[in-house]
C-alpha cells in the first residue's frame, strides 16, 4: 500500500515544551517541527492515537539516540 494513502486520513500531534498541539495532517506536523527546530525548540511528532494513549506530554518518553 502506498505510504501516502496511509497517512492521508491520519492525524498527528506535535509535542513540545510539555504541550500537545491540536491534531493536524502529517505535512502540517512536519512543517511545525521544522519551525520549532529553527527556534532551537525540541519537538516530536506522534500519531493522534499515540497522543490519546499517553494522555499527557509528561508520559511521553523522549527517544534516546545512542
Protein backbone atom coordinates (compact mmCIF):
# COMPACT_ATOMS: atom_id res chain seq x y z
CA UNK A 1 0.00 0.00 0.00
CA UNK A 2 1.19 3.49 -0.82
CA UNK A 3 2.55 5.16 2.35
CA UNK A 4 0.95 8.48 1.41
CA UNK A 5 -2.51 6.89 1.44
CA UNK A 6 -1.95 5.52 4.93
CA UNK A 7 -1.14 8.98 6.29
CA UNK A 8 -3.81 10.88 4.34
CA UNK A 9 -6.59 10.40 6.88
CA UNK A 10 -4.36 10.01 9.92
CA UNK A 11 -3.82 12.98 12.21
CA UNK A 12 -0.64 13.80 14.10
CA UNK A 13 0.18 15.76 17.22
CA UNK A 14 3.34 17.76 17.91
CA UNK A 15 4.72 17.52 21.44
CA UNK A 16 6.87 20.39 22.65
CA UNK A 17 7.57 22.15 25.93
CA UNK A 18 5.14 19.90 27.81
CA UNK A 19 2.20 20.58 25.49
CA UNK A 20 0.24 18.75 22.79
CA UNK A 21 -0.69 20.60 19.62
CA UNK A 22 -4.08 20.23 18.02
CA UNK A 23 -4.27 17.23 15.65
CA UNK A 24 -3.05 18.06 12.16
CA UNK A 25 -2.04 16.45 8.89
CA UNK A 26 1.36 14.80 8.54
CA UNK A 27 2.58 17.62 6.31
CA UNK A 28 1.49 20.27 8.82
CA UNK A 29 3.16 18.36 11.67
CA UNK A 30 6.47 18.10 9.82
CA UNK A 31 6.32 21.81 8.93
CA UNK A 32 5.57 22.69 12.57
CA UNK A 33 8.50 20.63 13.88
CA UNK A 34 10.84 22.30 11.37
CA UNK A 35 9.63 25.73 12.52
CA UNK A 36 10.31 24.80 16.15
CA UNK A 37 13.74 23.48 15.17
CA UNK A 38 14.64 26.84 13.61
CA UNK A 39 13.86 28.38 17.02
CA UNK A 40 16.04 25.73 18.77
CA UNK A 41 12.96 24.18 20.40
CA UNK A 42 12.82 20.38 20.59
CA UNK A 43 9.58 18.95 19.22
CA UNK A 44 8.32 15.46 18.42
CA UNK A 45 5.57 14.12 16.17
CA UNK A 46 3.30 11.30 17.33
CA UNK A 47 0.10 9.96 15.90
CA UNK A 48 -3.15 11.27 17.34
CA UNK A 49 -3.79 7.72 18.52
CA UNK A 50 -0.49 7.67 20.45
CA UNK A 51 -1.20 11.08 21.97
CA UNK A 52 -4.57 9.79 23.19
CA UNK A 53 -2.90 6.67 24.58
CA UNK A 54 -0.26 8.55 26.60
CA UNK A 55 -2.85 11.18 27.69
CA UNK A 56 -0.32 13.84 28.74
CA UNK A 57 3.03 15.04 27.36
CA UNK A 58 4.60 14.10 30.70
CA UNK A 59 4.04 10.43 29.78
CA UNK A 60 5.98 10.80 26.51
CA UNK A 61 9.32 9.00 26.60
CA UNK A 62 11.82 11.00 24.59
CA UNK A 63 13.82 8.77 22.27
CA UNK A 64 17.40 8.08 23.29
CA UNK A 65 19.83 8.26 20.37
CA UNK A 66 23.00 6.34 21.12
